[in-house]
Amino acid sequence: LEGPLTESEDIQEKTFAFKGDPSYVQVLTEGSVEAANLANNHSQDYG
């Protein structure tokens, strides 16, 4: 999972900073995903 699901406004100074609405987690649950790695260079794009 490369990018935060948050309503935070704490955007970091980066070339690309991704963010999705928390409701987007349903994409994973509806897709039958059971586990997500968060150790990547976009998980903290919003601090």
All heavy atoms as atom14 arrays in JSON, in Angstrom:
{
  "sequence": "LEGPLTESEDIQEKTFAFKGDPSYVQVLTEGSVEAANLANNHSQDYG",
  "atom14_mask": [
    [1, 1, 1, 1, 1, 1, 1, 1, 0, 0, 0, 0, 0, 0],
    [1, 1, 1, 1, 1, 1, 1, 1, 1, 0, 0, 0, 0, 0],
    [1, 1, 1, 1, 0, 0, 0, 0, 0, 0, 0, 0, 0, 0],
    [1, 1, 1, 1, 1, 1, 1, 0, 0, 0, 0, 0, 0, 0],
    [1, 1, 1, 1, 1, 1, 1, 1, 0, 0, 0, 0, 0, 0],
    [1, 1, 1, 1, 1, 1, 1, 0, 0, 0, 0, 0, 0, 0],
    [1, 1, 1, 1, 1, 1, 1, 1, 1, 0, 0, 0, 0, 0],
    [1, 1, 1, 1, 1, 1, 0, 0, 0, 0, 0, 0, 0, 0],
    [1, 1, 1, 1, 1, 1, 1, 1, 1, 0, 0, 0, 0, 0],
    [1, 1, 1, 1, 1, 1, 1, 1, 0, 0, 0, 0, 0, 0],
    [1, 1, 1, 1, 1, 1, 1, 1, 0, 0, 0, 0, 0, 0],
    [1, 1, 1, 1, 1, 1, 1, 1, 1, 0, 0, 0, 0, 0],
    [1, 1, 1, 1, 1, 1, 1, 1, 1, 0, 0, 0, 0, 0],
    [1, 1, 1, 1, 1, 1, 1, 1, 1, 0, 0, 0, 0, 0],
    [1, 1, 1, 1, 1, 1, 1, 0, 0, 0, 0, 0, 0, 0],
    [1, 1, 1, 1, 1, 1, 1, 1, 1, 1, 1, 0, 0, 0],
    [1, 1, 1, 1, 1, 0, 0, 0, 0, 0, 0, 0, 0, 0],
    [1, 1, 1, 1, 1, 1, 1, 1, 1, 1, 1, 0, 0, 0],
    [1, 1, 1, 1, 1, 1, 1, 1, 1, 0, 0, 0, 0, 0],
    [1, 1, 1, 1, 0, 0, 0, 0, 0, 0, 0, 0, 0, 0],
    [1, 1, 1, 1, 1, 1, 1, 1, 0, 0, 0, 0, 0, 0],
    [1, 1, 1, 1, 1, 1, 1, 0, 0, 0, 0, 0, 0, 0],
    [1, 1, 1, 1, 1, 1, 0, 0, 0, 0, 0, 0, 0, 0],
    [1, 1, 1, 1, 1, 1, 1, 1, 1, 1, 1, 1, 0, 0],
    [1, 1, 1, 1, 1, 1, 1, 0, 0, 0, 0, 0, 0, 0],
    [1, 1, 1, 1, 1, 1, 1, 1, 1, 0, 0, 0, 0, 0],
    [1, 1, 1, 1, 1, 1, 1, 0, 0, 0, 0, 0, 0, 0],
    [1, 1, 1, 1, 1, 1, 1, 1, 0, 0, 0, 0, 0, 0],
    [1, 1, 1, 1, 1, 1, 1, 0, 0, 0, 0, 0, 0, 0],
    [1, 1, 1, 1, 1, 1, 1, 1, 1, 0, 0, 0, 0, 0],
    [1, 1, 1, 1, 0, 0, 0, 0, 0, 0, 0, 0, 0, 0],
    [1, 1, 1, 1, 1, 1, 0, 0, 0, 0, 0, 0, 0, 0],
    [1, 1, 1, 1, 1, 1, 1, 0, 0, 0, 0, 0, 0, 0],
    [1, 1, 1, 1, 1, 1, 1, 1, 1, 0, 0, 0, 0, 0],
    [1, 1, 1, 1, 1, 0, 0, 0, 0, 0, 0, 0, 0, 0],
    [1, 1, 1, 1, 1, 0, 0, 0, 0, 0, 0, 0, 0, 0],
    [1, 1, 1, 1, 1, 1, 1, 1, 0, 0, 0, 0, 0, 0],
    [1, 1, 1, 1, 1, 1, 1, 1, 0, 0, 0, 0, 0, 0],
    [1, 1, 1, 1, 1, 0, 0, 0, 0, 0, 0, 0, 0, 0],
    [1, 1, 1, 1, 1, 1, 1, 1, 0, 0, 0, 0, 0, 0],
    [1, 1, 1, 1, 1, 1, 1, 1, 0, 0, 0, 0, 0, 0],
    [1, 1, 1, 1, 1, 1, 1, 1, 1, 1, 0, 0, 0, 0],
    [1, 1, 1, 1, 1, 1, 0, 0, 0, 0, 0, 0, 0, 0],
    [1, 1, 1, 1, 1, 1, 1, 1, 1, 0, 0, 0, 0, 0],
    [1, 1, 1, 1, 1, 1, 1, 1, 0, 0, 0, 0, 0, 0],
    [1, 1, 1, 1, 1, 1, 1, 1, 1, 1, 1, 1, 0, 0],
    [1, 1, 1, 1, 0, 0, 0, 0, 0, 0, 0, 0, 0, 0]
  ],
  "atom14_positions": [
    [[0.86, -1.19, 0.0], [0.0, 0.0, 0.0], [0.89, 1.23, 0.0], [1.42, 1.65, 1.03], [-0.93, -0.01, 1.21], [-1.9, 1.17, 1.32], [-2.78, 1.28, 0.08], [-2.76, 1.03, 2.57], [0.0, 0.0, 0.0], [0.0, 0.0, 0.0], [0.0, 0.0, 0.0], [0.0, 0.0, 0.0], [0.0, 0.0, 0.0], [0.0, 0.0, 0.0]],
    [[1.05, 1.86, -1.17], [2.02, 2.93, -1.34], [1.3, 4.29, -1.41], [1.03, 4.82, -2.48], [2.86, 2.7, -2.59], [4.04, 3.63, -2.67], [5.19, 3.06, -3.49], [4.98, 2.06, -4.2], [6.29, 3.62, -3.42], [0.0, 0.0, 0.0], [0.0, 0.0, 0.0], [0.0, 0.0, 0.0], [0.0, 0.0, 0.0], [0.0, 0.0, 0.0]],
    [[1.04, 4.81, -0.24], [0.38, 6.1, -0.12], [-0.62, 6.08, 1.02], [-1.31, 5.08, 1.24], [0.0, 0.0, 0.0], [0.0, 0.0, 0.0], [0.0, 0.0, 0.0], [0.0, 0.0, 0.0], [0.0, 0.0, 0.0], [0.0, 0.0, 0.0], [0.0, 0.0, 0.0], [0.0, 0.0, 0.0], [0.0, 0.0, 0.0], [0.0, 0.0, 0.0]],
    [[-0.71, 7.17, 1.78], [-1.59, 7.19, 2.96], [-3.06, 7.37, 2.62], [-3.42, 7.95, 1.59], [-1.07, 8.41, 3.74], [-0.53, 9.32, 2.69], [0.05, 8.43, 1.64], [0.0, 0.0, 0.0], [0.0, 0.0, 0.0], [0.0, 0.0, 0.0], [0.0, 0.0, 0.0], [0.0, 0.0, 0.0], [0.0, 0.0, 0.0], [0.0, 0.0, 0.0]],
    [[-3.89, 6.83, 3.48], [-5.33, 7.07, 3.44], [-5.63, 7.94, 4.65], [-5.65, 7.47, 5.79], [-6.09, 5.74, 3.49], [-5.78, 4.74, 2.38], [-6.56, 3.45, 2.57], [-6.04, 5.33, 1.01], [0.0, 0.0, 0.0], [0.0, 0.0, 0.0], [0.0, 0.0, 0.0], [0.0, 0.0, 0.0], [0.0, 0.0, 0.0], [0.0, 0.0, 0.0]],
    [[-5.85, 9.23, 4.4], [-5.92, 10.18, 5.51], [-6.62, 11.46, 5.08], [-6.72, 11.76, 3.89], [-4.5, 10.5, 6.02], [-4.56, 11.41, 7.11], [-3.66, 11.12, 4.9], [0.0, 0.0, 0.0], [0.0, 0.0, 0.0], [0.0, 0.0, 0.0], [0.0, 0.0, 0.0], [0.0, 0.0, 0.0], [0.0, 0.0, 0.0], [0.0, 0.0, 0.0]],
    [[-7.05, 12.22, 6.07], [-7.56, 13.57, 5.83], [-6.57, 14.62, 6.3], [-6.87, 15.82, 6.31], [-8.9, 13.74, 6.55], [-10.01, 12.84, 5.99], [-11.31, 12.99, 6.74], [-11.28, 13.55, 7.86], [-12.35, 12.58, 6.21], [0.0, 0.0, 0.0], [0.0, 0.0, 0.0], [0.0, 0.0, 0.0], [0.0, 0.0, 0.0], [0.0, 0.0, 0.0]],
    [[-5.37, 14.17, 6.66], [-4.34, 15.08, 7.13], [-3.95, 16.07, 6.03], [-3.99, 15.76, 4.84], [-3.09, 14.28, 7.55], [-2.0, 15.15, 7.8], [0.0, 0.0, 0.0], [0.0, 0.0, 0.0], [0.0, 0.0, 0.0], [0.0, 0.0, 0.0], [0.0, 0.0, 0.0], [0.0, 0.0, 0.0], [0.0, 0.0, 0.0], [0.0, 0.0, 0.0]],
    [[-3.56, 17.27, 6.46], [-3.08, 18.3, 5.54], [-1.57, 18.51, 5.67], [-1.02, 19.45, 5.11], [-3.81, 19.63, 5.82], [-5.31, 19.57, 5.6], [-5.68, 19.27, 4.15], [-4.92, 19.66, 3.25], [-6.73, 18.62, 3.93], [0.0, 0.0, 0.0], [0.0, 0.0, 0.0], [0.0, 0.0, 0.0], [0.0, 0.0, 0.0], [0.0, 0.0, 0.0]],
    [[-0.92, 17.62, 6.4], [0.52, 17.75, 6.67], [1.34, 17.21, 5.5], [2.1, 16.25, 5.63], [0.86, 17.01, 7.97], [2.31, 17.22, 8.39], [2.91, 18.22, 7.95], [2.82, 16.37, 9.16], [0.0, 0.0, 0.0], [0.0, 0.0, 0.0], [0.0, 0.0, 0.0], [0.0, 0.0, 0.0], [0.0, 0.0, 0.0], [0.0, 0.0, 0.0]],
    [[1.2, 17.83, 4.34], [1.9, 17.36, 3.15], [3.4, 17.6, 3.28], [3.85, 18.65, 3.76], [1.34, 18.05, 1.88], [1.95, 17.42, 0.62], [1.56, 19.56, 1.94], [1.29, 17.9, -0.66], [0.0, 0.0, 0.0], [0.0, 0.0, 0.0], [0.0, 0.0, 0.0], [0.0, 0.0, 0.0], [0.0, 0.0, 0.0], [0.0, 0.0, 0.0]],
    [[4.18, 16.61, 2.86], [5.63, 16.71, 2.91], [6.17, 17.3, 1.62], [5.55, 17.2, 0.56], [6.24, 15.32, 3.15], [5.71, 14.62, 4.39], [6.02, 15.37, 5.67], [7.19, 15.49, 6.05], [4.99, 15.88, 6.34], [0.0, 0.0, 0.0], [0.0, 0.0, 0.0], [0.0, 0.0, 0.0], [0.0, 0.0, 0.0], [0.0, 0.0, 0.0]],
    [[7.34, 17.92, 1.7], [7.96, 18.5, 0.52], [8.64, 17.39, -0.28], [9.75, 16.96, 0.04], [8.97, 19.58, 0.93], [8.33, 20.81, 1.55], [9.34, 21.9, 1.83], [10.52, 21.73, 1.44], [8.96, 22.91, 2.44], [0.0, 0.0, 0.0], [0.0, 0.0, 0.0], [0.0, 0.0, 0.0], [0.0, 0.0, 0.0], [0.0, 0.0, 0.0]],
    [[7.97, 16.95, -1.31], [8.47, 15.85, -2.14], [8.08, 16.12, -3.59], [7.2, 16.94, -3.86], [7.87, 14.51, -1.69], [8.11, 14.16, -0.24], [7.44, 12.86, 0.13], [8.0, 11.7, -0.66], [7.47, 10.4, -0.2], [0.0, 0.0, 0.0], [0.0, 0.0, 0.0], [0.0, 0.0, 0.0], [0.0, 0.0, 0.0], [0.0, 0.0, 0.0]],
    [[8.72, 15.38, -4.5], [8.34, 15.51, -5.9], [6.9, 15.08, -6.11], [6.13, 15.74, -6.81], [9.28, 14.66, -6.78], [10.63, 15.03, -6.52], [8.96, 14.86, -8.25], [0.0, 0.0, 0.0], [0.0, 0.0, 0.0], [0.0, 0.0, 0.0], [0.0, 0.0, 0.0], [0.0, 0.0, 0.0], [0.0, 0.0, 0.0], [0.0, 0.0, 0.0]],
    [[6.54, 13.96, -5.49], [5.16, 13.48, -5.54], [4.74, 13.1, -4.12], [5.45, 12.38, -3.43], [5.02, 12.26, -6.45], [5.32, 12.54, -7.89], [6.56, 12.26, -8.42], [4.35, 13.1, -8.71], [6.85, 12.52, -9.75], [4.62, 13.37, -10.05], [5.87, 13.08, -10.58], [0.0, 0.0, 0.0], [0.0, 0.0, 0.0], [0.0, 0.0, 0.0]],
    [[3.59, 13.59, -3.71], [3.03, 13.25, -2.39], [1.6, 12.77, -2.61], [0.73, 13.54, -3.01], [3.07, 14.46, -1.46], [0.0, 0.0, 0.0], [0.0, 0.0, 0.0], [0.0, 0.0, 0.0], [0.0, 0.0, 0.0], [0.0, 0.0, 0.0], [0.0, 0.0, 0.0], [0.0, 0.0, 0.0], [0.0, 0.0, 0.0], [0.0, 0.0, 0.0]],
    [[1.39, 11.48, -2.36], [0.09, 10.88, -2.63], [-0.79, 10.89, -1.38], [-0.3, 10.83, -0.25], [0.26, 9.45, -3.13], [1.05, 9.34, -4.4], [2.15, 8.5, -4.48], [0.7, 10.09, -5.51], [2.88, 8.39, -5.65], [1.42, 10.0, -6.69], [2.52, 9.15, -6.76], [0.0, 0.0, 0.0], [0.0, 0.0, 0.0], [0.0, 0.0, 0.0]],
    [[-2.09, 10.92, -1.63], [-3.06, 10.82, -0.53], [-4.38, 10.33, -1.09], [-4.79, 10.7, -2.18], [-3.27, 12.18, 0.14], [-4.25, 12.13, 1.3], [-4.35, 13.47, 2.04], [-5.22, 14.46, 1.33], [-5.54, 15.65, 2.17], [0.0, 0.0, 0.0], [0.0, 0.0, 0.0], [0.0, 0.0, 0.0], [0.0, 0.0, 0.0], [0.0, 0.0, 0.0]],
    [[-5.03, 9.46, -0.32], [-6.35, 8.98, -0.69], [-7.32, 9.14, 0.47], [-6.91, 9.18, 1.64], [0.0, 0.0, 0.0], [0.0, 0.0, 0.0], [0.0, 0.0, 0.0], [0.0, 0.0, 0.0], [0.0, 0.0, 0.0], [0.0, 0.0, 0.0], [0.0, 0.0, 0.0], [0.0, 0.0, 0.0], [0.0, 0.0, 0.0], [0.0, 0.0, 0.0]],
    [[-8.6, 9.22, 0.16], [-9.61, 9.32, 1.2], [-9.65, 8.01, 2.0], [-9.49, 6.92, 1.43], [-10.98, 9.59, 0.57], [-12.03, 9.91, 1.62], [-12.14, 11.08, 1.99], [-12.72, 8.96, 2.07], [0.0, 0.0, 0.0], [0.0, 0.0, 0.0], [0.0, 0.0, 0.0], [0.0, 0.0, 0.0], [0.0, 0.0, 0.0], [0.0, 0.0, 0.0]],
    [[-9.86, 8.09, 3.31], [-9.91, 6.86, 4.13], [-10.92, 5.83, 3.62], [-10.73, 4.63, 3.81], [-10.29, 7.38, 5.52], [-9.73, 8.77, 5.56], [-9.9, 9.3, 4.17], [0.0, 0.0, 0.0], [0.0, 0.0, 0.0], [0.0, 0.0, 0.0], [0.0, 0.0, 0.0], [0.0, 0.0, 0.0], [0.0, 0.0, 0.0], [0.0, 0.0, 0.0]],
    [[-11.99, 6.29, 2.95], [-13.0, 5.35, 2.45], [-12.44, 4.45, 1.35], [-13.01, 3.38, 1.07], [-14.22, 6.1, 1.91], [-13.87, 6.91, 0.8], [0.0, 0.0, 0.0], [0.0, 0.0, 0.0], [0.0, 0.0, 0.0], [0.0, 0.0, 0.0], [0.0, 0.0, 0.0], [0.0, 0.0, 0.0], [0.0, 0.0, 0.0], [0.0, 0.0, 0.0]],
    [[-11.31, 4.84, 0.75], [-10.73, 4.04, -0.33], [-10.24, 2.67, 0.16], [-9.95, 1.79, -0.66], [-9.58, 4.78, -1.0], [-9.97, 6.04, -1.76], [-9.0, 6.88, -2.29], [-11.3, 6.41, -1.92], [-9.34, 8.04, -2.98], [-11.66, 7.56, -2.6], [-10.68, 8.38, -3.12], [-11.03, 9.53, -3.8], [0.0, 0.0, 0.0], [0.0, 0.0, 0.0]],
    [[-10.13, 2.5, 1.47], [-9.73, 1.19, 1.99], [-10.69, 0.1, 1.55], [-10.34, -1.09, 1.47], [-9.61, 1.22, 3.53], [-10.99, 1.31, 4.18], [-8.88, -0.02, 4.04], [0.0, 0.0, 0.0], [0.0, 0.0, 0.0], [0.0, 0.0, 0.0], [0.0, 0.0, 0.0], [0.0, 0.0, 0.0], [0.0, 0.0, 0.0], [0.0, 0.0, 0.0]],
    [[-11.93, 0.49, 1.19], [-12.9, -0.49, 0.73], [-12.48, -1.17, -0.57], [-12.94, -2.27, -0.88], [-14.27, 0.18, 0.54], [-14.88, 0.72, 1.82], [-16.17, 1.47, 1.54], [-17.22, 0.86, 1.29], [-16.11, 2.79, 1.57], [0.0, 0.0, 0.0], [0.0, 0.0, 0.0], [0.0, 0.0, 0.0], [0.0, 0.0, 0.0], [0.0, 0.0, 0.0]],
    [[-11.62, -0.52, -1.34], [-11.08, -1.15, -2.55], [-10.36, -2.45, -2.17], [-10.5, -3.48, -2.85], [-10.13, -0.2, -3.29], [-9.43, -0.92, -4.45], [-10.88, 1.02, -3.8], [0.0, 0.0, 0.0], [0.0, 0.0, 0.0], [0.0, 0.0, 0.0], [0.0, 0.0, 0.0], [0.0, 0.0, 0.0], [0.0, 0.0, 0.0], [0.0, 0.0, 0.0]],
    [[-9.63, -2.39, -1.08], [-8.88, -3.57, -0.63], [-9.79, -4.61, 0.01], [-9.66, -5.81, -0.26], [-7.79, -3.15, 0.36], [-6.77, -2.13, -0.15], [-5.74, -1.82, 0.94], [-6.09, -2.61, -1.41], [0.0, 0.0, 0.0], [0.0, 0.0, 0.0], [0.0, 0.0, 0.0], [0.0, 0.0, 0.0], [0.0, 0.0, 0.0], [0.0, 0.0, 0.0]],
    [[-10.71, -4.17, 0.85], [-11.6, -5.14, 1.5], [-12.51, -5.81, 0.48], [-12.71, -7.04, 0.54], [-12.44, -4.46, 2.6], [-13.15, -3.35, 2.04], [-11.55, -3.95, 3.73], [0.0, 0.0, 0.0], [0.0, 0.0, 0.0], [0.0, 0.0, 0.0], [0.0, 0.0, 0.0], [0.0, 0.0, 0.0], [0.0, 0.0, 0.0], [0.0, 0.0, 0.0]],
    [[-13.05, -5.03, -0.45], [-13.91, -5.62, -1.49], [-13.11, -6.53, -2.42], [-13.65, -7.44, -3.03], [-14.59, -4.52, -2.3], [-15.61, -3.71, -1.53], [-16.85, -4.51, -1.19], [-17.22, -5.4, -1.97], [-17.42, -4.27, -0.11], [0.0, 0.0, 0.0], [0.0, 0.0, 0.0], [0.0, 0.0, 0.0], [0.0, 0.0, 0.0], [0.0, 0.0, 0.0]],
    [[-11.8, -6.28, -2.5], [-10.94, -7.09, -3.35], [-10.36, -8.31, -2.67], [-9.56, -9.02, -3.25], [0.0, 0.0, 0.0], [0.0, 0.0, 0.0], [0.0, 0.0, 0.0], [0.0, 0.0, 0.0], [0.0, 0.0, 0.0], [0.0, 0.0, 0.0], [0.0, 0.0, 0.0], [0.0, 0.0, 0.0], [0.0, 0.0, 0.0], [0.0, 0.0, 0.0]],
    [[-10.76, -8.55, -1.41], [-10.31, -9.73, -0.66], [-8.8, -9.7, -0.37], [-8.11, -10.7, -0.49], [-10.68, -11.03, -1.39], [-10.53, -12.14, -0.55], [0.0, 0.0, 0.0], [0.0, 0.0, 0.0], [0.0, 0.0, 0.0], [0.0, 0.0, 0.0], [0.0, 0.0, 0.0], [0.0, 0.0, 0.0], [0.0, 0.0, 0.0], [0.0, 0.0, 0.0]],
    [[-8.32, -8.53, 0.03], [-6.93, -8.37, 0.47], [-6.89, -8.5, 1.99], [-7.71, -7.9, 2.69], [-6.37, -7.01, 0.03], [-4.99, -6.76, 0.64], [-6.3, -6.93, -1.49], [0.0, 0.0, 0.0], [0.0, 0.0, 0.0], [0.0, 0.0, 0.0], [0.0, 0.0, 0.0], [0.0, 0.0, 0.0], [0.0, 0.0, 0.0], [0.0, 0.0, 0.0]],
    [[-5.92, -9.26, 2.49], [-5.84, -9.49, 3.94], [-4.66, -8.81, 4.63], [-4.65, -8.68, 5.85], [-5.76, -11.0, 4.24], [-7.04, -11.76, 4.05], [-7.27, -12.19, 2.61], [-6.26, -12.35, 1.87], [-8.44, -12.35, 2.21], [0.0, 0.0, 0.0], [0.0, 0.0, 0.0], [0.0, 0.0, 0.0], [0.0, 0.0, 0.0], [0.0, 0.0, 0.0]],
    [[-3.64, -8.4, 3.86], [-2.46, -7.8, 4.5], [-1.84, -6.77, 3.57], [-1.86, -6.93, 2.35], [-1.44, -8.88, 4.87], [0.0, 0.0, 0.0], [0.0, 0.0, 0.0], [0.0, 0.0, 0.0], [0.0, 0.0, 0.0], [0.0, 0.0, 0.0], [0.0, 0.0, 0.0], [0.0, 0.0, 0.0], [0.0, 0.0, 0.0], [0.0, 0.0, 0.0]],
    [[-1.26, -5.72, 4.18], [-0.65, -4.64, 3.39], [0.66, -4.19, 4.02], [0.71, -3.88, 5.22], [-1.61, -3.45, 3.28], [0.0, 0.0, 0.0], [0.0, 0.0, 0.0], [0.0, 0.0, 0.0], [0.0, 0.0, 0.0], [0.0, 0.0, 0.0], [0.0, 0.0, 0.0], [0.0, 0.0, 0.0], [0.0, 0.0, 0.0], [0.0, 0.0, 0.0]],
    [[1.71, -4.17, 3.2], [2.99, -3.61, 3.63], [2.94, -2.09, 3.57], [2.44, -1.51, 2.6], [4.12, -4.12, 2.73], [5.42, -3.39, 2.99], [6.01, -3.52, 4.06], [5.86, -2.6, 2.02], [0.0, 0.0, 0.0], [0.0, 0.0, 0.0], [0.0, 0.0, 0.0], [0.0, 0.0, 0.0], [0.0, 0.0, 0.0], [0.0, 0.0, 0.0]],
    [[3.44, -1.43, 4.62], [3.47, 0.03, 4.66], [4.89, 0.59, 4.64], [5.07, 1.82, 4.7], [2.73, 0.55, 5.9], [1.25, 0.2, 6.04], [0.67, 0.86, 7.28], [0.46, 0.59, 4.8], [0.0, 0.0, 0.0], [0.0, 0.0, 0.0], [0.0, 0.0, 0.0], [0.0, 0.0, 0.0], [0.0, 0.0, 0.0], [0.0, 0.0, 0.0]],
    [[5.88, -0.28, 4.56], [7.27, 0.18, 4.57], [7.68, 0.58, 3.16], [8.21, -0.21, 2.39], [8.19, -0.91, 5.1], [0.0, 0.0, 0.0], [0.0, 0.0, 0.0], [0.0, 0.0, 0.0], [0.0, 0.0, 0.0], [0.0, 0.0, 0.0], [0.0, 0.0, 0.0], [0.0, 0.0, 0.0], [0.0, 0.0, 0.0], [0.0, 0.0, 0.0]],
    [[7.38, 1.83, 2.8], [7.73, 2.33, 1.48], [7.92, 3.84, 1.54], [7.68, 4.47, 2.57], [6.67, 1.93, 0.45], [5.27, 2.39, 0.83], [5.01, 3.59, 0.93], [4.37, 1.43, 1.08], [0.0, 0.0, 0.0], [0.0, 0.0, 0.0], [0.0, 0.0, 0.0], [0.0, 0.0, 0.0], [0.0, 0.0, 0.0], [0.0, 0.0, 0.0]],
    [[8.32, 4.42, 0.42], [8.68, 5.84, 0.41], [7.5, 6.78, 0.17], [7.69, 7.97, -0.1], [9.78, 6.11, -0.63], [9.35, 5.71, -2.03], [8.67, 4.7, -2.21], [9.74, 6.48, -3.03], [0.0, 0.0, 0.0], [0.0, 0.0, 0.0], [0.0, 0.0, 0.0], [0.0, 0.0, 0.0], [0.0, 0.0, 0.0], [0.0, 0.0, 0.0]],
    [[6.26, 6.26, 0.29], [5.1, 7.15, 0.16], [4.12, 7.01, 1.33], [3.16, 7.78, 1.4], [4.37, 6.89, -1.15], [5.09, 7.43, -2.35], [5.2, 8.78, -2.6], [5.76, 6.8, -3.35], [5.9, 8.97, -3.72], [6.26, 7.78, -4.19], [0.0, 0.0, 0.0], [0.0, 0.0, 0.0], [0.0, 0.0, 0.0], [0.0, 0.0, 0.0]],
    [[4.35, 6.08, 2.23], [3.41, 5.88, 3.33], [3.36, 7.07, 4.27], [2.38, 7.28, 4.99], [3.75, 4.61, 4.11], [5.05, 4.69, 4.65], [0.0, 0.0, 0.0], [0.0, 0.0, 0.0], [0.0, 0.0, 0.0], [0.0, 0.0, 0.0], [0.0, 0.0, 0.0], [0.0, 0.0, 0.0], [0.0, 0.0, 0.0], [0.0, 0.0, 0.0]],
    [[4.42, 7.89, 4.26], [4.45, 9.06, 5.14], [4.46, 10.37, 4.34], [5.01, 11.38, 4.78], [5.66, 8.98, 6.07], [5.62, 7.73, 6.95], [6.72, 7.7, 7.99], [6.95, 8.68, 8.69], [7.39, 6.58, 8.1], [0.0, 0.0, 0.0], [0.0, 0.0, 0.0], [0.0, 0.0, 0.0], [0.0, 0.0, 0.0], [0.0, 0.0, 0.0]],
    [[3.82, 10.34, 3.17], [3.74, 11.56, 2.35], [3.0, 12.69, 3.05], [3.19, 13.87, 2.71], [3.04, 11.25, 1.02], [3.95, 10.53, 0.03], [5.13, 10.31, 0.37], [3.49, 10.2, -1.08], [0.0, 0.0, 0.0], [0.0, 0.0, 0.0], [0.0, 0.0, 0.0], [0.0, 0.0, 0.0], [0.0, 0.0, 0.0], [0.0, 0.0, 0.0]],
    [[2.15, 12.34, 4.01], [1.45, 13.35, 4.79], [1.83, 13.23, 6.27], [1.0, 13.38, 7.17], [-0.06, 13.24, 4.58], [-0.49, 13.97, 3.31], [-0.19, 13.44, 2.07], [-1.13, 15.21, 3.36], [-0.54, 14.09, 0.89], [-1.48, 15.88, 2.2], [-1.18, 15.32, 0.97], [-1.52, 16.0, -0.19], [0.0, 0.0, 0.0], [0.0, 0.0, 0.0]],
    [[3.12, 13.0, 6.48], [3.67, 13.0, 7.82], [3.29, 11.79, 8.66], [2.65, 10.85, 8.2], [0.0, 0.0, 0.0], [0.0, 0.0, 0.0], [0.0, 0.0, 0.0], [0.0, 0.0, 0.0], [0.0, 0.0, 0.0], [0.0, 0.0, 0.0], [0.0, 0.0, 0.0], [0.0, 0.0, 0.0], [0.0, 0.0, 0.0], [0.0, 0.0, 0.0]]
  ]
}
